[in-house]
Amino acid sequence: MKQELEEKLGLREAGLRKELIEKERTWERTRKELQEQLSTLSIESVREREDRESRIAEITGGIPGPGGRFNRSSRSWETWKTNARA
């Protein structure tokens, strides 16, 4: 009886180990896919930001201040303001 129980438990353990291995493989594939998607989205996000910044520079005459904004106290702002009046 003890031997039968050990055999049943051994088979159950083997089955659970196999299931765990399969789930780990599935998780690893999913993790890689998600990492690739994140990488793709990050690259696209950077490109979109660069395109927006380029477009803003075109519209504003290419004279952004710190942080992409005009600094009213800067020479760039004064130059832009003077050119905008002309």
PDB file of N, CA and C in Angstrom:
ATOM      1  N   MET A   1       0.816  -1.187   0.000  1.00  0.00           N
ATOM      2  CA  MET A   1       0.000   0.000   0.000  1.00  0.00           C
ATOM      3  C   MET A   1       0.865   1.258   0.000  1.00  0.00           C
ATOM      4  N   LYS A   2       1.890   1.246   0.813  1.00  0.00           N
ATOM      5  CA  LYS A   2       2.808   2.378   0.867  1.00  0.00           C
ATOM      6  C   LYS A   2       3.495   2.554  -0.488  1.00  0.00           C
ATOM      7  N   GLN A   3       3.881   1.464  -1.088  1.00  0.00           N
ATOM      8  CA  GLN A   3       4.559   1.507  -2.381  1.00  0.00           C
ATOM      9  C   GLN A   3       3.618   2.048  -3.465  1.00  0.00           C
ATOM     10  N   GLU A   4       2.348   1.674  -3.419  1.00  0.00           N
ATOM     11  CA  GLU A   4       1.368   2.170  -4.387  1.00  0.00           C
ATOM     12  C   GLU A   4       1.196   3.682  -4.237  1.00  0.00           C
ATOM     13  N   LEU A   5       1.150   4.133  -3.010  1.00  0.00           N
ATOM     14  CA  LEU A   5       1.001   5.557  -2.734  1.00  0.00           C
ATOM     15  C   LEU A   5       2.225   6.326  -3.246  1.00  0.00           C
ATOM     16  N   GLU A   6       3.418   5.771  -3.010  1.00  0.00           N
ATOM     17  CA  GLU A   6       4.649   6.399  -3.495  1.00  0.00           C
ATOM     18  C   GLU A   6       4.653   6.477  -5.021  1.00  0.00           C
ATOM     19  N   GLU A   7       4.172   5.441  -5.679  1.00  0.00           N
ATOM     20  CA  GLU A   7       4.108   5.432  -7.137  1.00  0.00           C
ATOM     21  C   GLU A   7       3.133   6.486  -7.647  1.00  0.00           C
ATOM     22  N   LYS A   8       1.965   6.561  -6.996  1.00  0.00           N
ATOM     23  CA  LYS A   8       0.974   7.568  -7.386  1.00  0.00           C
ATOM     24  C   LYS A   8       1.523   8.974  -7.193  1.00  0.00           C
ATOM     25  N   LEU A   9       2.154   9.188  -6.059  1.00  0.00           N
ATOM     26  CA  LEU A   9       2.727  10.508  -5.791  1.00  0.00           C
ATOM     27  C   LEU A   9       3.859  10.832  -6.764  1.00  0.00           C
ATOM     28  N   GLY A  10       4.657   9.838  -7.085  1.00  0.00           N
ATOM     29  CA  GLY A  10       5.740  10.030  -8.058  1.00  0.00           C
ATOM     30  C   GLY A  10       5.202  10.405  -9.435  1.00  0.00           C
ATOM     31  N   LEU A  11       4.141   9.722  -9.857  1.00  0.00           N
ATOM     32  CA  LEU A  11       3.535  10.043 -11.142  1.00  0.00           C
ATOM     33  C   LEU A  11       2.929  11.447 -11.132  1.00  0.00           C
ATOM     34  N   ARG A  12       2.272  11.749 -10.023  1.00  0.00           N
ATOM     35  CA  ARG A  12       1.680  13.097  -9.891  1.00  0.00           C
ATOM     36  C   ARG A  12       2.760  14.168  -9.924  1.00  0.00           C
ATOM     37  N   GLU A  13       3.849  13.939  -9.214  1.00  0.00           N
ATOM     38  CA  GLU A  13       4.953  14.893  -9.190  1.00  0.00           C
ATOM     39  C   GLU A  13       5.546  15.063 -10.590  1.00  0.00           C
ATOM     40  N   ALA A  14       5.735  13.967 -11.295  1.00  0.00           N
ATOM     41  CA  ALA A  14       6.271  14.032 -12.659  1.00  0.00           C
ATOM     42  C   ALA A  14       5.336  14.829 -13.569  1.00  0.00           C
ATOM     43  N   GLY A  15       4.049  14.593 -13.434  1.00  0.00           N
ATOM     44  CA  GLY A  15       3.065  15.331 -14.229  1.00  0.00           C
ATOM     45  C   GLY A  15       3.090  16.815 -13.923  1.00  0.00           C
ATOM     46  N   LEU A  16       3.194  17.142 -12.627  1.00  0.00           N
ATOM     47  CA  LEU A  16       3.242  18.550 -12.224  1.00  0.00           C
ATOM     48  C   LEU A  16       4.527  19.224 -12.707  1.00  0.00           C
ATOM     49  N   ARG A  17       5.640  18.500 -12.649  1.00  0.00           N
ATOM     50  CA  ARG A  17       6.909  19.049 -13.148  1.00  0.00           C
ATOM     51  C   ARG A  17       6.825  19.339 -14.645  1.00  0.00           C
ATOM     52  N   LYS A  18       6.217  18.421 -15.389  1.00  0.00           N
ATOM     53  CA  LYS A  18       6.061  18.604 -16.829  1.00  0.00           C
ATOM     54  C   LYS A  18       5.184  19.826 -17.109  1.00  0.00           C
ATOM     55  N   GLU A  19       4.106  19.942 -16.374  1.00  0.00           N
ATOM     56  CA  GLU A  19       3.206  21.083 -16.526  1.00  0.00           C
ATOM     57  C   GLU A  19       3.925  22.395 -16.206  1.00  0.00           C
ATOM     58  N   LEU A  20       4.733  22.384 -15.163  1.00  0.00           N
ATOM     59  CA  LEU A  20       5.496  23.576 -14.782  1.00  0.00           C
ATOM     60  C   LEU A  20       6.473  23.977 -15.883  1.00  0.00           C
ATOM     61  N   ILE A  21       7.163  23.010 -16.448  1.00  0.00           N
ATOM     62  CA  ILE A  21       8.113  23.281 -17.530  1.00  0.00           C
ATOM     63  C   ILE A  21       7.391  23.899 -18.722  1.00  0.00           C
ATOM     64  N   GLU A  22       6.237  23.358 -19.077  1.00  0.00           N
ATOM     65  CA  GLU A  22       5.456  23.892 -20.194  1.00  0.00           C
ATOM     66  C   GLU A  22       5.017  25.331 -19.909  1.00  0.00           C
ATOM     67  N   LYS A  23       4.579  25.593 -18.692  1.00  0.00           N
ATOM     68  CA  LYS A  23       4.137  26.938 -18.331  1.00  0.00           C
ATOM     69  C   LYS A  23       5.311  27.916 -18.315  1.00  0.00           C
ATOM     70  N   GLU A  24       6.468  27.464 -17.864  1.00  0.00           N
ATOM     71  CA  GLU A  24       7.652  28.328 -17.879  1.00  0.00           C
ATOM     72  C   GLU A  24       8.039  28.691 -19.314  1.00  0.00           C
ATOM     73  N   ARG A  25       7.967  27.723 -20.219  1.00  0.00           N
ATOM     74  CA  ARG A  25       8.270  27.990 -21.625  1.00  0.00           C
ATOM     75  C   ARG A  25       7.270  28.977 -22.215  1.00  0.00           C
ATOM     76  N   THR A  26       5.998  28.771 -21.919  1.00  0.00           N
ATOM     77  CA  THR A  26       4.959  29.680 -22.401  1.00  0.00           C
ATOM     78  C   THR A  26       5.201  31.089 -21.870  1.00  0.00           C
ATOM     79  N   TRP A  27       5.503  31.184 -20.579  1.00  0.00           N
ATOM     80  CA  TRP A  27       5.765  32.483 -19.976  1.00  0.00           C
ATOM     81  C   TRP A  27       6.972  33.152 -20.632  1.00  0.00           C
ATOM     82  N   GLU A  28       8.027  32.416 -20.887  1.00  0.00           N
ATOM     83  CA  GLU A  28       9.233  32.973 -21.504  1.00  0.00           C
ATOM     84  C   GLU A  28       8.932  33.500 -22.907  1.00  0.00           C
ATOM     85  N   ARG A  29       8.155  32.760 -23.687  1.00  0.00           N
ATOM     86  CA  ARG A  29       7.761  33.230 -25.025  1.00  0.00           C
ATOM     87  C   ARG A  29       6.936  34.514 -24.913  1.00  0.00           C
ATOM     88  N   THR A  30       5.994  34.516 -23.997  1.00  0.00           N
ATOM     89  CA  THR A  30       5.137  35.688 -23.807  1.00  0.00           C
ATOM     90  C   THR A  30       5.958  36.885 -23.361  1.00  0.00           C
ATOM     91  N   ARG A  31       6.877  36.662 -22.437  1.00  0.00           N
ATOM     92  CA  ARG A  31       7.733  37.750 -21.948  1.00  0.00           C
ATOM     93  C   ARG A  31       8.564  38.347 -23.090  1.00  0.00           C
ATOM     94  N   LYS A  32       9.121  37.494 -23.932  1.00  0.00           N
ATOM     95  CA  LYS A  32       9.919  37.971 -25.071  1.00  0.00           C
ATOM     96  C   LYS A  32       9.053  38.768 -26.040  1.00  0.00           C
ATOM     97  N   GLU A  33       7.851  38.269 -26.313  1.00  0.00           N
ATOM     98  CA  GLU A  33       6.944  38.978 -27.217  1.00  0.00           C
ATOM     99  C   GLU A  33       6.590  40.349 -26.654  1.00  0.00           C
ATOM    100  N   LEU A  34       6.298  40.397 -25.361  1.00  0.00           N
ATOM    101  CA  LEU A  34       5.967  41.677 -24.738  1.00  0.00           C
ATOM    102  C   LEU A  34       7.162  42.623 -24.753  1.00  0.00           C
ATOM    103  N   GLN A  35       8.352  42.097 -24.520  1.00  0.00           N
ATOM    104  CA  GLN A  35       9.558  42.917 -24.558  1.00  0.00           C
ATOM    105  C   GLN A  35       9.774  43.499 -25.956  1.00  0.00           C
ATOM    106  N   GLU A  36       9.541  42.686 -26.986  1.00  0.00           N
ATOM    107  CA  GLU A  36       9.669  43.160 -28.367  1.00  0.00           C
ATOM    108  C   GLU A  36       8.639  44.247 -28.670  1.00  0.00           C
ATOM    109  N   GLN A  37       7.411  44.042 -28.199  1.00  0.00           N
ATOM    110  CA  GLN A  37       6.367  45.045 -28.406  1.00  0.00           C
ATOM    111  C   GLN A  37       6.723  46.347 -27.707  1.00  0.00           C
ATOM    112  N   LEU A  38       7.231  46.253 -26.491  1.00  0.00           N
ATOM    113  CA  LEU A  38       7.636  47.444 -25.750  1.00  0.00           C
ATOM    114  C   LEU A  38       8.749  48.178 -26.477  1.00  0.00           C
ATOM    115  N   SER A  39       9.711  47.436 -26.969  1.00  0.00           N
ATOM    116  CA  SER A  39      10.821  48.028 -27.705  1.00  0.00           C
ATOM    117  C   SER A  39      10.318  48.749 -28.951  1.00  0.00           C
ATOM    118  N   THR A  40       9.426  48.101 -29.686  1.00  0.00           N
ATOM    119  CA  THR A  40       8.857  48.705 -30.888  1.00  0.00           C
ATOM    120  C   THR A  40       8.102  49.982 -30.550  1.00  0.00           C
ATOM    121  N   LEU A  41       7.287  49.928 -29.508  1.00  0.00           N
ATOM    122  CA  LEU A  41       6.523  51.113 -29.105  1.00  0.00           C
ATOM    123  C   LEU A  41       7.435  52.234 -28.640  1.00  0.00           C
ATOM    124  N   SER A  42       8.505  51.883 -27.944  1.00  0.00           N
ATOM    125  CA  SER A  42       9.458  52.897 -27.481  1.00  0.00           C
ATOM    126  C   SER A  42      10.122  53.591 -28.664  1.00  0.00           C
ATOM    127  N   ILE A  43      10.539  52.815 -29.648  1.00  0.00           N
ATOM    128  CA  ILE A  43      11.169  53.379 -30.839  1.00  0.00           C
ATOM    129  C   ILE A  43      10.181  54.283 -31.572  1.00  0.00           C
ATOM    130  N   GLU A  44       8.949  53.800 -31.734  1.00  0.00           N
ATOM    131  CA  GLU A  44       7.925  54.605 -32.414  1.00  0.00           C
ATOM    132  C   GLU A  44       7.657  55.889 -31.648  1.00  0.00           C
ATOM    133  N   SER A  45       7.617  55.810 -30.339  1.00  0.00           N
ATOM    134  CA  SER A  45       7.372  56.981 -29.509  1.00  0.00           C
ATOM    135  C   SER A  45       8.480  58.023 -29.684  1.00  0.00           C
ATOM    136  N   VAL A  46       9.715  57.573 -29.704  1.00  0.00           N
ATOM    137  CA  VAL A  46      10.845  58.492 -29.903  1.00  0.00           C
ATOM    138  C   VAL A  46      10.748  59.144 -31.273  1.00  0.00           C
ATOM    139  N   ARG A  47      10.449  58.369 -32.293  1.00  0.00           N
ATOM    140  CA  ARG A  47      10.316  58.923 -33.652  1.00  0.00           C
ATOM    141  C   ARG A  47       9.193  59.953 -33.725  1.00  0.00           C
ATOM    142  N   GLU A  48       8.063  59.634 -33.113  1.00  0.00           N
ATOM    143  CA  GLU A  48       6.938  60.563 -33.119  1.00  0.00           C
ATOM    144  C   GLU A  48       7.295  61.856 -32.395  1.00  0.00           C
ATOM    145  N   ARG A  49       7.988  61.748 -31.262  1.00  0.00           N
ATOM    146  CA  ARG A  49       8.406  62.938 -30.518  1.00  0.00           C
ATOM    147  C   ARG A  49       9.368  63.774 -31.351  1.00  0.00           C
ATOM    148  N   GLU A  50      10.313  63.114 -32.003  1.00  0.00           N
ATOM    149  CA  GLU A  50      11.262  63.836 -32.847  1.00  0.00           C
ATOM    150  C   GLU A  50      10.542  64.529 -34.002  1.00  0.00           C
ATOM    151  N   ASP A  51       9.558  63.847 -34.592  1.00  0.00           N
ATOM    152  CA  ASP A  51       8.774  64.457 -35.672  1.00  0.00           C
ATOM    153  C   ASP A  51       8.016  65.680 -35.173  1.00  0.00           C
ATOM    154  N   ARG A  52       7.407  65.578 -33.993  1.00  0.00           N
ATOM    155  CA  ARG A  52       6.682  66.721 -33.417  1.00  0.00           C
ATOM    156  C   ARG A  52       7.630  67.875 -33.141  1.00  0.00           C
ATOM    157  N   GLU A  53       8.781  67.554 -32.547  1.00  0.00           N
ATOM    158  CA  GLU A  53       9.747  68.610 -32.240  1.00  0.00           C
ATOM    159  C   GLU A  53      10.249  69.284 -33.513  1.00  0.00           C
ATOM    160  N   SER A  54      10.458  68.496 -34.553  1.00  0.00           N
ATOM    161  CA  SER A  54      10.885  69.040 -35.830  1.00  0.00           C
ATOM    162  C   SER A  54       9.803  69.949 -36.402  1.00  0.00           C
ATOM    163  N   ARG A  55       8.565  69.489 -36.327  1.00  0.00           N
ATOM    164  CA  ARG A  55       7.434  70.286 -36.828  1.00  0.00           C
ATOM    165  C   ARG A  55       7.293  71.580 -36.034  1.00  0.00           C
ATOM    166  N   ILE A  56       7.448  71.504 -34.737  1.00  0.00           N
ATOM    167  CA  ILE A  56       7.378  72.707 -33.897  1.00  0.00           C
ATOM    168  C   ILE A  56       8.490  73.667 -34.272  1.00  0.00           C
ATOM    169  N   ALA A  57       9.681  73.136 -34.485  1.00  0.00           N
ATOM    170  CA  ALA A  57      10.809  73.979 -34.878  1.00  0.00           C
ATOM    171  C   ALA A  57      10.531  74.653 -36.214  1.00  0.00           C
ATOM    172  N   GLU A  58       9.919  73.932 -37.154  1.00  0.00           N
ATOM    173  CA  GLU A  58       9.563  74.523 -38.445  1.00  0.00           C
ATOM    174  C   GLU A  58       8.562  75.659 -38.263  1.00  0.00           C
ATOM    175  N   ILE A  59       7.556  75.416 -37.439  1.00  0.00           N
ATOM    176  CA  ILE A  59       6.485  76.399 -37.239  1.00  0.00           C
ATOM    177  C   ILE A  59       7.004  77.632 -36.506  1.00  0.00           C
ATOM    178  N   THR A  60       7.845  77.431 -35.522  1.00  0.00           N
ATOM    179  CA  THR A  60       8.315  78.541 -34.686  1.00  0.00           C
ATOM    180  C   THR A  60       9.585  79.178 -35.214  1.00  0.00           C
ATOM    181  N   GLY A  61      10.062  78.725 -36.324  1.00  0.00           N
ATOM    182  CA  GLY A  61      11.279  79.293 -36.873  1.00  0.00           C
ATOM    183  C   GLY A  61      12.526  78.632 -36.340  1.00  0.00           C
ATOM    184  N   GLY A  62      12.366  77.546 -35.659  1.00  0.00           N
ATOM    185  CA  GLY A  62      13.517  76.769 -35.193  1.00  0.00           C
ATOM    186  C   GLY A  62      14.266  77.376 -34.043  1.00  0.00           C
ATOM    187  N   ILE A  63      13.576  78.163 -33.207  1.00  0.00           N
ATOM    188  CA  ILE A  63      14.267  78.810 -32.097  1.00  0.00           C
ATOM    189  C   ILE A  63      13.635  78.421 -30.761  1.00  0.00           C
ATOM    190  N   PRO A  64      13.656  77.174 -30.412  1.00  0.00           N
ATOM    191  CA  PRO A  64      13.098  76.781 -29.107  1.00  0.00           C
ATOM    192  C   PRO A  64      14.047  77.132 -27.979  1.00  0.00           C
ATOM    193  N   GLY A  65      13.477  77.393 -26.822  1.00  0.00           N
ATOM    194  CA  GLY A  65      14.283  77.658 -25.633  1.00  0.00           C
ATOM    195  C   GLY A  65      14.478  76.378 -24.843  1.00  0.00           C
ATOM    196  N   PRO A  66      14.879  76.492 -23.593  1.00  0.00           N
ATOM    197  CA  PRO A  66      15.076  75.303 -22.756  1.00  0.00           C
ATOM    198  C   PRO A  66      13.804  74.473 -22.661  1.00  0.00           C
ATOM    199  N   GLY A  67      13.961  73.181 -22.766  1.00  0.00           N
ATOM    200  CA  GLY A  67      12.808  72.294 -22.666  1.00  0.00           C
ATOM    201  C   GLY A  67      11.886  72.378 -23.857  1.00  0.00           C
ATOM    202  N   GLY A  68      12.373  72.963 -24.963  1.00  0.00           N
ATOM    203  CA  GLY A  68      11.542  73.062 -26.148  1.00  0.00           C
ATOM    204  C   GLY A  68      10.584  74.234 -26.117  1.00  0.00           C
ATOM    205  N   ARG A  69      10.686  75.088 -25.099  1.00  0.00           N
ATOM    206  CA  ARG A  69       9.809  76.250 -24.991  1.00  0.00           C
ATOM    207  C   ARG A  69      10.637  77.518 -25.137  1.00  0.00           C
ATOM    208  N   PHE A  70       9.963  78.580 -25.514  1.00  0.00           N
ATOM    209  CA  PHE A  70      10.661  79.849 -25.624  1.00  0.00           C
ATOM    210  C   PHE A  70      10.917  80.419 -24.241  1.00  0.00           C
ATOM    211  N   ASN A  71      12.068  80.983 -24.084  1.00  0.00           N
ATOM    212  CA  ASN A  71      12.436  81.637 -22.843  1.00  0.00           C
ATOM    213  C   ASN A  71      12.382  83.132 -23.122  1.00  0.00           C
ATOM    214  N   ARG A  72      11.431  83.828 -22.541  1.00  0.00           N
ATOM    215  CA  ARG A  72      11.232  85.248 -22.842  1.00  0.00           C
ATOM    216  C   ARG A  72      12.467  86.090 -22.544  1.00  0.00           C
ATOM    217  N   SER A  73      13.300  85.638 -21.628  1.00  0.00           N
ATOM    218  CA  SER A  73      14.480  86.423 -21.283  1.00  0.00           C
ATOM    219  C   SER A  73      15.669  86.116 -22.185  1.00  0.00           C
ATOM    220  N   SER A  74      15.525  85.155 -23.050  1.00  0.00           N
ATOM    221  CA  SER A  74      16.664  84.760 -23.873  1.00  0.00           C
ATOM    222  C   SER A  74      16.770  85.603 -25.128  1.00  0.00           C
ATOM    223  N   ARG A  75      17.956  85.647 -25.661  1.00  0.00           N
ATOM    224  CA  ARG A  75      18.219  86.358 -26.913  1.00  0.00           C
ATOM    225  C   ARG A  75      17.407  85.723 -28.041  1.00  0.00           C
ATOM    226  N   SER A  76      17.239  84.391 -27.993  1.00  0.00           N
ATOM    227  CA  SER A  76      16.468  83.689 -29.015  1.00  0.00           C
ATOM    228  C   SER A  76      15.034  84.209 -29.057  1.00  0.00           C
ATOM    229  N   TRP A  77      14.452  84.441 -27.887  1.00  0.00           N
ATOM    230  CA  TRP A  77      13.085  84.941 -27.829  1.00  0.00           C
ATOM    231  C   TRP A  77      13.014  86.324 -28.446  1.00  0.00           C
ATOM    232  N   GLU A  78      13.949  87.168 -28.112  1.00  0.00           N
ATOM    233  CA  GLU A  78      13.949  88.521 -28.654  1.00  0.00           C
ATOM    234  C   GLU A  78      14.111  88.503 -30.175  1.00  0.00           C
ATOM    235  N   THR A  79      14.998  87.648 -30.658  1.00  0.00           N
ATOM    236  CA  THR A  79      15.207  87.523 -32.107  1.00  0.00           C
ATOM    237  C   THR A  79      13.929  87.031 -32.773  1.00  0.00           C
ATOM    238  N   TRP A  80      13.318  86.038 -32.208  1.00  0.00           N
ATOM    239  CA  TRP A  80      12.088  85.490 -32.774  1.00  0.00           C
ATOM    240  C   TRP A  80      10.979  86.541 -32.778  1.00  0.00           C
ATOM    241  N   LYS A  81      10.858  87.264 -31.657  1.00  0.00           N
ATOM    242  CA  LYS A  81       9.809  88.275 -31.523  1.00  0.00           C
ATOM    243  C   LYS A  81      10.010  89.396 -32.556  1.00  0.00           C
ATOM    244  N   THR A  82      11.248  89.801 -32.740  1.00  0.00           N
ATOM    245  CA  THR A  82      11.563  90.832 -33.713  1.00  0.00           C
ATOM    246  C   THR A  82      11.231  90.365 -35.130  1.00  0.00           C
ATOM    247  N   ASN A  83      11.610  89.124 -35.448  1.00  0.00           N
ATOM    248  CA  ASN A  83      11.341  88.569 -36.771  1.00  0.00           C
ATOM    249  C   ASN A  83       9.847  88.360 -36.998  1.00  0.00           C
ATOM    250  N   ALA A  84       9.129  88.032 -35.957  1.00  0.00           N
ATOM    251  CA  ALA A  84       7.684  87.796 -36.089  1.00  0.00           C
ATOM    252  C   ALA A  84       6.960  89.091 -36.417  1.00  0.00           C
ATOM    253  N   ARG A  85       7.465  90.222 -35.916  1.00  0.00           N
ATOM    254  CA  ARG A  85       6.846  91.525 -36.190  1.00  0.00           C
ATOM    255  C   ARG A  85       7.081  91.962 -37.622  1.00  0.00           C
ATOM    256  N   ALA A  86       8.184  91.514 -38.182  1.00  0.00           N
ATOM    257  CA  ALA A  86       8.555  91.984 -39.531  1.00  0.00           C
ATOM    258  C   ALA A  86       7.687  91.392 -40.611  1.00  0.00           C
TER     259      ALA A  86
END
